[in-house]
Amino acid sequence: MESPSWMFSKALSHRQKVCRLFKRAMREVDGYYGMDILEARFQKVVMRARFDAYREEKDPDKARLLYLDGCRQIWERKHWTTFLGSDVGGASYDRDTHNMPDAIFNHNTMS
């Protein structure tokens, strides 16, 4: 059985791993509640509270298990479709430049 990609990481500190996990969790919340800004904000506050509840954990073994459990939860609950910048609501939506004729790109507007 192959291990999932979340089990492997670079030589990062525990703090860096948790920060990356938090960032990934925030992006997953955006994936689920993308256009409903108020619900997304509420879910982010709830997620932040979950992370802050174990912020002062001193036992490294328990902290590691909490991190691995968080990784597992993200893996199991990840959004079924990916959100790309070219999707509706993305930063590059409706910017199809590959279909434009070359004359548009070659036109010198400074003359």
PDB file of N, CA and C in Angstrom:
ATOM      1  N   MET A   1       0.843  -1.183   0.000  1.00  0.00           N
ATOM      2  CA  MET A   1       0.000   0.000   0.000  1.00  0.00           C
ATOM      3  C   MET A   1       0.882   1.239   0.000  1.00  0.00           C
ATOM      4  N   GLU A   2       0.602   2.141  -0.905  1.00  0.00           N
ATOM      5  CA  GLU A   2       1.367   3.383  -0.964  1.00  0.00           C
ATOM      6  C   GLU A   2       0.870   4.353   0.093  1.00  0.00           C
ATOM      7  N   SER A   3       1.781   5.119   0.625  1.00  0.00           N
ATOM      8  CA  SER A   3       1.412   6.116   1.627  1.00  0.00           C
ATOM      9  C   SER A   3       0.924   7.379   0.933  1.00  0.00           C
ATOM     10  N   PRO A   4      -0.054   8.065   1.515  1.00  0.00           N
ATOM     11  CA  PRO A   4      -0.520   9.330   0.932  1.00  0.00           C
ATOM     12  C   PRO A   4       0.575  10.390   0.981  1.00  0.00           C
ATOM     13  N   SER A   5       0.453  11.366   0.110  1.00  0.00           N
ATOM     14  CA  SER A   5       1.493  12.389   0.006  1.00  0.00           C
ATOM     15  C   SER A   5       1.616  13.235   1.263  1.00  0.00           C
ATOM     16  N   TRP A   6       0.555  13.317   2.083  1.00  0.00           N
ATOM     17  CA  TRP A   6       0.631  14.164   3.273  1.00  0.00           C
ATOM     18  C   TRP A   6       1.517  13.561   4.351  1.00  0.00           C
ATOM     19  N   MET A   7       1.900  12.299   4.208  1.00  0.00           N
ATOM     20  CA  MET A   7       2.757  11.684   5.223  1.00  0.00           C
ATOM     21  C   MET A   7       4.218  12.093   5.049  1.00  0.00           C
ATOM     22  N   PHE A   8       4.576  12.587   3.883  1.00  0.00           N
ATOM     23  CA  PHE A   8       5.956  12.947   3.613  1.00  0.00           C
ATOM     24  C   PHE A   8       6.118  14.457   3.694  1.00  0.00           C
ATOM     25  N   SER A   9       7.213  14.888   4.252  1.00  0.00           N
ATOM     26  CA  SER A   9       7.462  16.320   4.321  1.00  0.00           C
ATOM     27  C   SER A   9       8.960  16.564   4.311  1.00  0.00           C
ATOM     28  N   LYS A  10       9.318  17.788   4.061  1.00  0.00           N
ATOM     29  CA  LYS A  10      10.715  18.183   4.118  1.00  0.00           C
ATOM     30  C   LYS A  10      11.126  18.258   5.580  1.00  0.00           C
ATOM     31  N   ALA A  11      12.366  18.578   5.804  1.00  0.00           N
ATOM     32  CA  ALA A  11      12.850  18.728   7.176  1.00  0.00           C
ATOM     33  C   ALA A  11      12.362  20.070   7.716  1.00  0.00           C
ATOM     34  N   LEU A  12      11.131  20.089   8.166  1.00  0.00           N
ATOM     35  CA  LEU A  12      10.526  21.303   8.699  1.00  0.00           C
ATOM     36  C   LEU A  12      10.311  21.144  10.193  1.00  0.00           C
ATOM     37  N   SER A  13      10.272  22.258  10.881  1.00  0.00           N
ATOM     38  CA  SER A  13       9.950  22.206  12.300  1.00  0.00           C
ATOM     39  C   SER A  13       8.459  21.915  12.464  1.00  0.00           C
ATOM     40  N   HIS A  14       8.096  21.512  13.660  1.00  0.00           N
ATOM     41  CA  HIS A  14       6.683  21.221  13.924  1.00  0.00           C
ATOM     42  C   HIS A  14       5.836  22.470  13.713  1.00  0.00           C
ATOM     43  N   ARG A  15       6.357  23.598  14.117  1.00  0.00           N
ATOM     44  CA  ARG A  15       5.625  24.862  13.957  1.00  0.00           C
ATOM     45  C   ARG A  15       5.352  25.165  12.485  1.00  0.00           C
ATOM     46  N   GLN A  16       6.353  24.943  11.625  1.00  0.00           N
ATOM     47  CA  GLN A  16       6.170  25.184  10.200  1.00  0.00           C
ATOM     48  C   GLN A  16       5.137  24.234   9.605  1.00  0.00           C
ATOM     49  N   LYS A  17       5.172  22.990  10.045  1.00  0.00           N
ATOM     50  CA  LYS A  17       4.197  22.014   9.548  1.00  0.00           C
ATOM     51  C   LYS A  17       2.777  22.405   9.944  1.00  0.00           C
ATOM     52  N   VAL A  18       2.615  22.849  11.182  1.00  0.00           N
ATOM     53  CA  VAL A  18       1.283  23.247  11.644  1.00  0.00           C
ATOM     54  C   VAL A  18       0.815  24.491  10.893  1.00  0.00           C
ATOM     55  N   CYS A  19       1.714  25.427  10.631  1.00  0.00           N
ATOM     56  CA  CYS A  19       1.340  26.626   9.870  1.00  0.00           C
ATOM     57  C   CYS A  19       0.881  26.258   8.461  1.00  0.00           C
ATOM     58  N   ARG A  20       1.580  25.316   7.830  1.00  0.00           N
ATOM     59  CA  ARG A  20       1.177  24.879   6.496  1.00  0.00           C
ATOM     60  C   ARG A  20      -0.158  24.134   6.537  1.00  0.00           C
ATOM     61  N   LEU A  21      -0.364  23.351   7.575  1.00  0.00           N
ATOM     62  CA  LEU A  21      -1.636  22.647   7.734  1.00  0.00           C
ATOM     63  C   LEU A  21      -2.773  23.648   7.924  1.00  0.00           C
ATOM     64  N   PHE A  22      -2.530  24.685   8.722  1.00  0.00           N
ATOM     65  CA  PHE A  22      -3.543  25.719   8.947  1.00  0.00           C
ATOM     66  C   PHE A  22      -3.888  26.429   7.639  1.00  0.00           C
ATOM     67  N   LYS A  23      -2.868  26.767   6.866  1.00  0.00           N
ATOM     68  CA  LYS A  23      -3.096  27.448   5.596  1.00  0.00           C
ATOM     69  C   LYS A  23      -3.895  26.556   4.646  1.00  0.00           C
ATOM     70  N   ARG A  24      -3.563  25.273   4.616  1.00  0.00           N
ATOM     71  CA  ARG A  24      -4.293  24.332   3.769  1.00  0.00           C
ATOM     72  C   ARG A  24      -5.753  24.207   4.230  1.00  0.00           C
ATOM     73  N   ALA A  25      -5.961  24.195   5.543  1.00  0.00           N
ATOM     74  CA  ALA A  25      -7.323  24.112   6.078  1.00  0.00           C
ATOM     75  C   ALA A  25      -8.131  25.348   5.684  1.00  0.00           C
ATOM     76  N   MET A  26      -7.506  26.522   5.725  1.00  0.00           N
ATOM     77  CA  MET A  26      -8.208  27.742   5.332  1.00  0.00           C
ATOM     78  C   MET A  26      -8.590  27.699   3.851  1.00  0.00           C
ATOM     79  N   ARG A  27      -7.722  27.153   3.037  1.00  0.00           N
ATOM     80  CA  ARG A  27      -8.029  27.059   1.604  1.00  0.00           C
ATOM     81  C   ARG A  27      -9.124  26.043   1.323  1.00  0.00           C
ATOM     82  N   GLU A  28      -9.163  24.990   2.117  1.00  0.00           N
ATOM     83  CA  GLU A  28     -10.250  24.021   1.967  1.00  0.00           C
ATOM     84  C   GLU A  28     -11.589  24.654   2.357  1.00  0.00           C
ATOM     85  N   VAL A  29     -11.579  25.484   3.385  1.00  0.00           N
ATOM     86  CA  VAL A  29     -12.809  26.195   3.764  1.00  0.00           C
ATOM     87  C   VAL A  29     -13.249  27.098   2.616  1.00  0.00           C
ATOM     88  N   ASP A  30     -12.299  27.780   1.985  1.00  0.00           N
ATOM     89  CA  ASP A  30     -12.632  28.606   0.824  1.00  0.00           C
ATOM     90  C   ASP A  30     -13.227  27.767  -0.299  1.00  0.00           C
ATOM     91  N   GLY A  31     -12.722  26.545  -0.459  1.00  0.00           N
ATOM     92  CA  GLY A  31     -13.238  25.674  -1.503  1.00  0.00           C
ATOM     93  C   GLY A  31     -14.687  25.283  -1.275  1.00  0.00           C
ATOM     94  N   TYR A  32     -15.047  25.062  -0.030  1.00  0.00           N
ATOM     95  CA  TYR A  32     -16.411  24.651   0.270  1.00  0.00           C
ATOM     96  C   TYR A  32     -17.383  25.821   0.303  1.00  0.00           C
ATOM     97  N   TYR A  33     -16.952  26.955   0.822  1.00  0.00           N
ATOM     98  CA  TYR A  33     -17.858  28.089   1.026  1.00  0.00           C
ATOM     99  C   TYR A  33     -17.415  29.300   0.217  1.00  0.00           C
ATOM    100  N   GLY A  34     -16.849  29.079  -0.957  1.00  0.00           N
ATOM    101  CA  GLY A  34     -16.215  30.129  -1.741  1.00  0.00           C
ATOM    102  C   GLY A  34     -17.012  31.401  -1.924  1.00  0.00           C
ATOM    103  N   MET A  35     -18.235  31.318  -2.395  1.00  0.00           N
ATOM    104  CA  MET A  35     -19.004  32.520  -2.702  1.00  0.00           C
ATOM    105  C   MET A  35     -19.809  33.035  -1.513  1.00  0.00           C
ATOM    106  N   ASP A  36     -20.021  32.217  -0.501  1.00  0.00           N
ATOM    107  CA  ASP A  36     -20.748  32.647   0.696  1.00  0.00           C
ATOM    108  C   ASP A  36     -19.721  33.163   1.706  1.00  0.00           C
ATOM    109  N   ILE A  37     -19.415  34.437   1.619  1.00  0.00           N
ATOM    110  CA  ILE A  37     -18.310  35.015   2.376  1.00  0.00           C
ATOM    111  C   ILE A  37     -18.551  34.952   3.878  1.00  0.00           C
ATOM    112  N   LEU A  38     -19.768  35.207   4.313  1.00  0.00           N
ATOM    113  CA  LEU A  38     -20.048  35.199   5.753  1.00  0.00           C
ATOM    114  C   LEU A  38     -19.915  33.800   6.340  1.00  0.00           C
ATOM    115  N   GLU A  39     -20.433  32.802   5.644  1.00  0.00           N
ATOM    116  CA  GLU A  39     -20.314  31.427   6.132  1.00  0.00           C
ATOM    117  C   GLU A  39     -18.859  30.973   6.111  1.00  0.00           C
ATOM    118  N   ALA A  40     -18.118  31.363   5.074  1.00  0.00           N
ATOM    119  CA  ALA A  40     -16.700  31.015   5.002  1.00  0.00           C
ATOM    120  C   ALA A  40     -15.943  31.652   6.163  1.00  0.00           C
ATOM    121  N   ARG A  41     -16.237  32.893   6.462  1.00  0.00           N
ATOM    122  CA  ARG A  41     -15.571  33.579   7.576  1.00  0.00           C
ATOM    123  C   ARG A  41     -15.890  32.900   8.903  1.00  0.00           C
ATOM    124  N   PHE A  42     -17.148  32.517   9.099  1.00  0.00           N
ATOM    125  CA  PHE A  42     -17.539  31.828  10.328  1.00  0.00           C
ATOM    126  C   PHE A  42     -16.799  30.496  10.456  1.00  0.00           C
ATOM    127  N   GLN A  43     -16.734  29.738   9.375  1.00  0.00           N
ATOM    128  CA  GLN A  43     -16.048  28.445   9.411  1.00  0.00           C
ATOM    129  C   GLN A  43     -14.546  28.619   9.655  1.00  0.00           C
ATOM    130  N   LYS A  44     -13.975  29.706   9.145  1.00  0.00           N
ATOM    131  CA  LYS A  44     -12.556  29.979   9.401  1.00  0.00           C
ATOM    132  C   LYS A  44     -12.314  30.304  10.868  1.00  0.00           C
ATOM    133  N   VAL A  45     -13.235  31.036  11.476  1.00  0.00           N
ATOM    134  CA  VAL A  45     -13.112  31.344  12.905  1.00  0.00           C
ATOM    135  C   VAL A  45     -13.206  30.063  13.728  1.00  0.00           C
ATOM    136  N   VAL A  46     -14.123  29.177  13.360  1.00  0.00           N
ATOM    137  CA  VAL A  46     -14.254  27.894  14.057  1.00  0.00           C
ATOM    138  C   VAL A  46     -12.981  27.066  13.889  1.00  0.00           C
ATOM    139  N   MET A  47     -12.436  27.057  12.674  1.00  0.00           N
ATOM    140  CA  MET A  47     -11.208  26.296  12.414  1.00  0.00           C
ATOM    141  C   MET A  47     -10.045  26.876  13.216  1.00  0.00           C
ATOM    142  N   ARG A  48      -9.964  28.199  13.297  1.00  0.00           N
ATOM    143  CA  ARG A  48      -8.895  28.836  14.074  1.00  0.00           C
ATOM    144  C   ARG A  48      -9.012  28.467  15.547  1.00  0.00           C
ATOM    145  N   ALA A  49     -10.230  28.390  16.051  1.00  0.00           N
ATOM    146  CA  ALA A  49     -10.444  27.993  17.449  1.00  0.00           C
ATOM    147  C   ALA A  49      -9.977  26.560  17.681  1.00  0.00           C
ATOM    148  N   ARG A  50     -10.192  25.692  16.699  1.00  0.00           N
ATOM    149  CA  ARG A  50      -9.726  24.308  16.832  1.00  0.00           C
ATOM    150  C   ARG A  50      -8.202  24.254  16.908  1.00  0.00           C
ATOM    151  N   PHE A  51      -7.528  25.067  16.111  1.00  0.00           N
ATOM    152  CA  PHE A  51      -6.066  25.096  16.148  1.00  0.00           C
ATOM    153  C   PHE A  51      -5.568  25.719  17.451  1.00  0.00           C
ATOM    154  N   ASP A  52      -6.224  26.791  17.890  1.00  0.00           N
ATOM    155  CA  ASP A  52      -5.786  27.478  19.107  1.00  0.00           C
ATOM    156  C   ASP A  52      -6.013  26.659  20.366  1.00  0.00           C
ATOM    157  N   ALA A  53      -6.937  25.716  20.329  1.00  0.00           N
ATOM    158  CA  ALA A  53      -7.218  24.896  21.508  1.00  0.00           C
ATOM    159  C   ALA A  53      -6.000  24.065  21.918  1.00  0.00           C
ATOM    160  N   TYR A  54      -5.177  23.709  20.956  1.00  0.00           N
ATOM    161  CA  TYR A  54      -4.000  22.878  21.245  1.00  0.00           C
ATOM    162  C   TYR A  54      -2.696  23.638  21.019  1.00  0.00           C
ATOM    163  N   ARG A  55      -2.765  24.932  21.021  1.00  0.00           N
ATOM    164  CA  ARG A  55      -1.578  25.743  20.741  1.00  0.00           C
ATOM    165  C   ARG A  55      -0.477  25.567  21.785  1.00  0.00           C
ATOM    166  N   GLU A  56      -0.842  25.429  23.022  1.00  0.00           N
ATOM    167  CA  GLU A  56       0.128  25.344  24.116  1.00  0.00           C
ATOM    168  C   GLU A  56       0.454  23.903  24.504  1.00  0.00           C
ATOM    169  N   GLU A  57       0.264  22.969  23.599  1.00  0.00           N
ATOM    170  CA  GLU A  57       0.558  21.563  23.894  1.00  0.00           C
ATOM    171  C   GLU A  57       2.069  21.385  24.081  1.00  0.00           C
ATOM    172  N   LYS A  58       2.467  20.850  25.234  1.00  0.00           N
ATOM    173  CA  LYS A  58       3.890  20.704  25.558  1.00  0.00           C
ATOM    174  C   LYS A  58       4.438  19.324  25.199  1.00  0.00           C
ATOM    175  N   ASP A  59       3.587  18.308  25.207  1.00  0.00           N
ATOM    176  CA  ASP A  59       4.040  16.950  24.923  1.00  0.00           C
ATOM    177  C   ASP A  59       4.276  16.792  23.419  1.00  0.00           C
ATOM    178  N   PRO A  60       5.526  16.562  22.983  1.00  0.00           N
ATOM    179  CA  PRO A  60       5.799  16.481  21.542  1.00  0.00           C
ATOM    180  C   PRO A  60       5.114  15.298  20.863  1.00  0.00           C
ATOM    181  N   ASP A  61       4.948  14.198  21.581  1.00  0.00           N
ATOM    182  CA  ASP A  61       4.282  13.044  20.975  1.00  0.00           C
ATOM    183  C   ASP A  61       2.805  13.331  20.715  1.00  0.00           C
ATOM    184  N   LYS A  62       2.156  13.958  21.675  1.00  0.00           N
ATOM    185  CA  LYS A  62       0.744  14.298  21.494  1.00  0.00           C
ATOM    186  C   LYS A  62       0.585  15.362  20.407  1.00  0.00           C
ATOM    187  N   ALA A  63       1.508  16.327  20.373  1.00  0.00           N
ATOM    188  CA  ALA A  63       1.453  17.364  19.345  1.00  0.00           C
ATOM    189  C   ALA A  63       1.621  16.746  17.958  1.00  0.00           C
ATOM    190  N   ARG A  64       2.516  15.779  17.846  1.00  0.00           N
ATOM    191  CA  ARG A  64       2.720  15.098  16.565  1.00  0.00           C
ATOM    192  C   ARG A  64       1.466  14.329  16.153  1.00  0.00           C
ATOM    193  N   LEU A  65       0.837  13.648  17.100  1.00  0.00           N
ATOM    194  CA  LEU A  65      -0.385  12.907  16.796  1.00  0.00           C
ATOM    195  C   LEU A  65      -1.519  13.848  16.391  1.00  0.00           C
ATOM    196  N   LEU A  66      -1.601  14.996  17.047  1.00  0.00           N
ATOM    197  CA  LEU A  66      -2.614  15.984  16.672  1.00  0.00           C
ATOM    198  C   LEU A  66      -2.374  16.497  15.251  1.00  0.00           C
ATOM    199  N   TYR A  67      -1.109  16.724  14.925  1.00  0.00           N
ATOM    200  CA  TYR A  67      -0.765  17.173  13.575  1.00  0.00           C
ATOM    201  C   TYR A  67      -1.150  16.115  12.537  1.00  0.00           C
ATOM    202  N   LEU A  68      -0.797  14.869  12.806  1.00  0.00           N
ATOM    203  CA  LEU A  68      -1.119  13.797  11.862  1.00  0.00           C
ATOM    204  C   LEU A  68      -2.625  13.604  11.725  1.00  0.00           C
ATOM    205  N   ASP A  69      -3.349  13.773  12.822  1.00  0.00           N
ATOM    206  CA  ASP A  69      -4.805  13.674  12.764  1.00  0.00           C
ATOM    207  C   ASP A  69      -5.386  14.813  11.920  1.00  0.00           C
ATOM    208  N   GLY A  70      -4.828  16.001  12.063  1.00  0.00           N
ATOM    209  CA  GLY A  70      -5.271  17.125  11.238  1.00  0.00           C
ATOM    210  C   GLY A  70      -4.993  16.888   9.764  1.00  0.00           C
ATOM    211  N   CYS A  71      -3.824  16.328   9.457  1.00  0.00           N
ATOM    212  CA  CYS A  71      -3.496  15.998   8.064  1.00  0.00           C
ATOM    213  C   CYS A  71      -4.476  14.971   7.512  1.00  0.00           C
ATOM    214  N   ARG A  72      -4.797  13.985   8.328  1.00  0.00           N
ATOM    215  CA  ARG A  72      -5.731  12.944   7.896  1.00  0.00           C
ATOM    216  C   ARG A  72      -7.113  13.543   7.630  1.00  0.00           C
ATOM    217  N   GLN A  73      -7.550  14.441   8.504  1.00  0.00           N
ATOM    218  CA  GLN A  73      -8.861  15.066   8.318  1.00  0.00           C
ATOM    219  C   GLN A  73      -8.905  15.909   7.047  1.00  0.00           C
ATOM    220  N   ILE A  74      -7.836  16.642   6.779  1.00  0.00           N
ATOM    221  CA  ILE A  74      -7.779  17.439   5.550  1.00  0.00           C
ATOM    222  C   ILE A  74      -7.828  16.512   4.339  1.00  0.00           C
ATOM    223  N   TRP A  75      -7.092  15.408   4.401  1.00  0.00           N
ATOM    224  CA  TRP A  75      -7.048  14.460   3.287  1.00  0.00           C
ATOM    225  C   TRP A  75      -8.427  13.844   3.041  1.00  0.00           C
ATOM    226  N   GLU A  76      -9.129  13.494   4.102  1.00  0.00           N
ATOM    227  CA  GLU A  76     -10.429  12.842   3.957  1.00  0.00           C
ATOM    228  C   GLU A  76     -11.525  13.810   3.536  1.00  0.00           C
ATOM    229  N   ARG A  77     -11.422  15.059   3.923  1.00  0.00           N
ATOM    230  CA  ARG A  77     -12.492  16.028   3.680  1.00  0.00           C
ATOM    231  C   ARG A  77     -12.159  17.045   2.604  1.00  0.00           C
ATOM    232  N   LYS A  78     -11.127  16.783   1.824  1.00  0.00           N
ATOM    233  CA  LYS A  78     -10.764  17.778   0.820  1.00  0.00           C
ATOM    234  C   LYS A  78     -11.864  17.910  -0.229  1.00  0.00           C
ATOM    235  N   HIS A  79     -11.919  19.071  -0.835  1.00  0.00           N
ATOM    236  CA  HIS A  79     -12.977  19.372  -1.792  1.00  0.00           C
ATOM    237  C   HIS A  79     -12.831  18.488  -3.018  1.00  0.00           C
ATOM    238  N   TRP A  80     -13.948  18.079  -3.587  1.00  0.00           N
ATOM    239  CA  TRP A  80     -13.932  17.126  -4.686  1.00  0.00           C
ATOM    240  C   TRP A  80     -13.503  17.737  -6.009  1.00  0.00           C
ATOM    241  N   THR A  81     -13.536  19.060  -6.126  1.00  0.00           N
ATOM    242  CA  THR A  81     -13.037  19.716  -7.328  1.00  0.00           C
ATOM    243  C   THR A  81     -12.023  20.765  -6.921  1.00  0.00           C
ATOM    244  N   THR A  82     -11.102  21.029  -7.803  1.00  0.00           N
ATOM    245  CA  THR A  82     -10.104  22.055  -7.511  1.00  0.00           C
ATOM    246  C   THR A  82     -10.602  23.403  -8.023  1.00  0.00           C
ATOM    247  N   PHE A  83     -10.197  24.450  -7.360  1.00  0.00           N
ATOM    248  CA  PHE A  83     -10.555  25.810  -7.747  1.00  0.00           C
ATOM    249  C   PHE A  83      -9.330  26.445  -8.367  1.00  0.00           C
ATOM    250  N   LEU A  84      -9.436  26.793  -9.626  1.00  0.00           N
ATOM    251  CA  LEU A  84      -8.320  27.392 -10.339  1.00  0.00           C
ATOM    252  C   LEU A  84      -8.560  28.882 -10.520  1.00  0.00           C
ATOM    253  N   GLY A  85      -7.508  29.591 -10.805  1.00  0.00           N
ATOM    254  CA  GLY A  85      -7.641  31.028 -11.023  1.00  0.00           C
ATOM    255  C   GLY A  85      -8.495  31.365 -12.226  1.00  0.00           C
ATOM    256  N   SER A  86      -8.544  30.454 -13.199  1.00  0.00           N
ATOM    257  CA  SER A  86      -9.337  30.717 -14.399  1.00  0.00           C
ATOM    258  C   SER A  86     -10.810  30.355 -14.232  1.00  0.00           C
ATOM    259  N   ASP A  87     -11.188  29.797 -13.081  1.00  0.00           N
ATOM    260  CA  ASP A  87     -12.593  29.484 -12.814  1.00  0.00           C
ATOM    261  C   ASP A  87     -13.369  30.761 -12.498  1.00  0.00           C
ATOM    262  N   VAL A  88     -14.694  30.660 -12.537  1.00  0.00           N
ATOM    263  CA  VAL A  88     -15.541  31.813 -12.210  1.00  0.00           C
ATOM    264  C   VAL A  88     -15.230  32.257 -10.784  1.00  0.00           C
ATOM    265  N   GLY A  89     -14.944  33.519 -10.595  1.00  0.00           N
ATOM    266  CA  GLY A  89     -14.564  34.041  -9.294  1.00  0.00           C
ATOM    267  C   GLY A  89     -13.061  34.060  -9.082  1.00  0.00           C
ATOM    268  N   GLY A  90     -12.312  33.462  -9.986  1.00  0.00           N
ATOM    269  CA  GLY A  90     -10.858  33.430  -9.867  1.00  0.00           C
ATOM    270  C   GLY A  90     -10.228  34.720 -10.356  1.00  0.00           C
ATOM    271  N   ALA A  91      -8.954  34.903 -10.028  1.00  0.00           N
ATOM    272  CA  ALA A  91      -8.265  36.146 -10.367  1.00  0.00           C
ATOM    273  C   ALA A  91      -8.054  36.302 -11.872  1.00  0.00           C
ATOM    274  N   SER A  92      -7.950  35.214 -12.609  1.00  0.00           N
ATOM    275  CA  SER A  92      -7.702  35.313 -14.048  1.00  0.00           C
ATOM    276  C   SER A  92      -8.899  34.851 -14.877  1.00  0.00           C
ATOM    277  N   TYR A  93     -10.092  34.950 -14.313  1.00  0.00           N
ATOM    278  CA  TYR A  93     -11.292  34.543 -15.046  1.00  0.00           C
ATOM    279  C   TYR A  93     -11.509  35.433 -16.267  1.00  0.00           C
ATOM    280  N   ASP A  94     -11.825  34.816 -17.380  1.00  0.00           N
ATOM    281  CA  ASP A  94     -12.135  35.495 -18.641  1.00  0.00           C
ATOM    282  C   ASP A  94     -10.937  36.282 -19.177  1.00  0.00           C
ATOM    283  N   ARG A  95      -9.756  35.740 -19.017  1.00  0.00           N
ATOM    284  CA  ARG A  95      -8.546  36.366 -19.556  1.00  0.00           C
ATOM    285  C   ARG A  95      -7.879  35.426 -20.556  1.00  0.00           C
ATOM    286  N   ASP A  96      -8.644  34.889 -21.460  1.00  0.00           N
ATOM    287  CA  ASP A  96      -8.097  33.952 -22.439  1.00  0.00           C
ATOM    288  C   ASP A  96      -7.291  34.707 -23.476  1.00  0.00           C
ATOM    289  N   THR A  97      -5.997  34.758 -23.297  1.00  0.00           N
ATOM    290  CA  THR A  97      -5.146  35.456 -24.255  1.00  0.00           C
ATOM    291  C   THR A  97      -4.623  34.522 -25.330  1.00  0.00           C
ATOM    292  N   HIS A  98      -4.734  33.212 -25.134  1.00  0.00           N
ATOM    293  CA  HIS A  98      -4.198  32.290 -26.133  1.00  0.00           C
ATOM    294  C   HIS A  98      -5.073  32.229 -27.387  1.00  0.00           C
ATOM    295  N   ASN A  99      -6.293  32.741 -27.345  1.00  0.00           N
ATOM    296  CA  ASN A  99      -7.174  32.747 -28.512  1.00  0.00           C
ATOM    297  C   ASN A  99      -7.149  34.075 -29.262  1.00  0.00           C
ATOM    298  N   MET A 100      -6.399  35.051 -28.780  1.00  0.00           N
ATOM    299  CA  MET A 100      -6.365  36.360 -29.421  1.00  0.00           C
ATOM    300  C   MET A 100      -5.415  36.329 -30.619  1.00  0.00           C
ATOM    301  N   PRO A 101      -5.739  37.091 -31.667  1.00  0.00           N
ATOM    302  CA  PRO A 101      -4.826  37.146 -32.817  1.00  0.00           C
ATOM    303  C   PRO A 101      -3.531  37.876 -32.452  1.00  0.00           C
ATOM    304  N   ASP A 102      -2.481  37.542 -33.171  1.00  0.00           N
ATOM    305  CA  ASP A 102      -1.168  38.133 -32.900  1.00  0.00           C
ATOM    306  C   ASP A 102      -1.140  39.636 -33.138  1.00  0.00           C
ATOM    307  N   ALA A 103      -2.022  40.145 -33.975  1.00  0.00           N
ATOM    308  CA  ALA A 103      -2.026  41.573 -34.270  1.00  0.00           C
ATOM    309  C   ALA A 103      -2.304  42.396 -33.015  1.00  0.00           C
ATOM    310  N   ILE A 104      -3.071  41.855 -32.100  1.00  0.00           N
ATOM    311  CA  ILE A 104      -3.367  42.578 -30.860  1.00  0.00           C
ATOM    312  C   ILE A 104      -2.105  42.722 -30.025  1.00  0.00           C
ATOM    313  N   PHE A 105      -1.300  41.669 -29.969  1.00  0.00           N
ATOM    314  CA  PHE A 105      -0.079  41.707 -29.166  1.00  0.00           C
ATOM    315  C   PHE A 105       1.016  42.528 -29.826  1.00  0.00           C
ATOM    316  N   ASN A 106       1.027  42.566 -31.149  1.00  0.00           N
ATOM    317  CA  ASN A 106       2.081  43.269 -31.878  1.00  0.00           C
ATOM    318  C   ASN A 106       1.799  44.755 -32.033  1.00  0.00           C
ATOM    319  N   HIS A 107       0.605  45.192 -31.721  1.00  0.00           N
ATOM    320  CA  HIS A 107       0.232  46.591 -31.906  1.00  0.00           C
ATOM    321  C   HIS A 107       0.992  47.464 -30.911  1.00  0.00           C
ATOM    322  N   ASN A 108       1.646  48.482 -31.415  1.00  0.00           N
ATOM    323  CA  ASN A 108       2.402  49.399 -30.577  1.00  0.00           C
ATOM    324  C   ASN A 108       1.510  50.598 -30.251  1.00  0.00           C
ATOM    325  N   THR A 109       1.138  50.730 -28.994  1.00  0.00           N
ATOM    326  CA  THR A 109       0.244  51.826 -28.598  1.00  0.00           C
ATOM    327  C   THR A 109       1.000  53.107 -28.290  1.00  0.00           C
ATOM    328  N   MET A 110       2.320  53.069 -28.270  1.00  0.00           N
ATOM    329  CA  MET A 110       3.105  54.243 -27.910  1.00  0.00           C
ATOM    330  C   MET A 110       3.356  55.161 -29.109  1.00  0.00           C
ATOM    331  N   SER A 111       3.024  54.771 -30.331  1.00  0.00           N
ATOM    332  CA  SER A 111       3.337  55.600 -31.493  1.00  0.00           C
ATOM    333  C   SER A 111       2.293  56.644 -31.765  1.00  0.00           C
TER     334      SER A 111
END
